[in-house]
Amino acid sequence: MGVKDGVLLAAAALLMVGGFFGAACGTARAQSLGIGTSGNVRLLNELNANWSLPGEYSLETCDVDGLAVEWVQLKGIEPKRVILQLHGGAYTRSLQENGITYRRAAVQYARLSGAAVATVDYRVAPECPFPAALNDAVRAYCWLLETGFLPEDIIIAGDSAGGGLALATVLYLRDNGLPLPAALITMSAWTNLVYRRWVPPYVGENSPDDPYISPIYGEYSGFPPMLMQVGGDELLLGHTLTVAEKAEKAGVPVKQTTYPGMFHVFQMLFPELEEANEAWGEVQKFIKEVLGGSPELED
């Protein structure tokens, strides 16, 4: 393994330890699950520290009845499509705490699709356990519908906890007879919050096998097309594979890609990591297949 590979794997430790398990007990919990905890996160930190919003994009924060939603889009256009981004962080780290990572991702989604990107700063545990995050995600989606976006012009995307939340959101929409989005995109989705010796803060006093908490226990008939990416070396590999298999058996069009040797949410190390760039290329192709051409970019 080369020096750069070591740095990349160390960055994965940040994404899993800092983002997935939270700050206070992240290291101890990660060690108990066998996750690397070297703390060497220079690459991700450098990517974030050196990033600034490109001049051709605008960023504003919308107040949706007290819920903050960051809105990114190309300047000078009236977007006809939108990607609803649900960030990761174990349901314990807010959008603000996740720093610049999800603004980078929002611009990446916008650049690849021509769509606007709405990133939800949903409430997090332990102060706000289930169903707070789910309620906020559903509220943001309904807000997009109320502002005039058609469901067939909306994609819901999420990584880690946000990937699980994306699946739970569509389960809720379907179960309650609400219009479904055009597609879902998940990256390293956290879909099973059932653990033998640990109760994730988001679970609260609820049953962890509730499909709205752990979508791995959900039923997927009637779902829109899904792109599900996961790293071949991450502990959550089975979380994605199981949901993808269940969805396929239910007749859902699923594109599931496992990237060999990759770690949790490796996609956030674009543009320095080749596999991350490859994964984003797959995202771009999927969006084009689902939504067709980009009228925003063609105008």
Foldseek 3Di string as FASTA:
>chain_A
DDPVVVLLLQLLLCCCQCQAQHDPCSVVVCVVVPRDHPNNNVLLVVVQVPDDDDPQKDWDWDQLVNWTKIKIAGPPFDFQAEEEEEETRNLAAWPVRVHCLVVVVQVLVCVLFVHMYIYTRWHGPPVAAPPRRLVRSLSVVVVCVVVPHDQLRYEYEYEACSQLSSLLNQLVCVVVVHDHHLEYEYELYQQQQDDDPDHRSNCPPHDRLPCSNRVLNPAAAPHHEYEYEYEPPEPSVVSRVSVQVRNVVNVYHYHYDYHYPDYGPSLSSPPVDPVNVVVSVVVSVVSCVRNNHGPSVVD
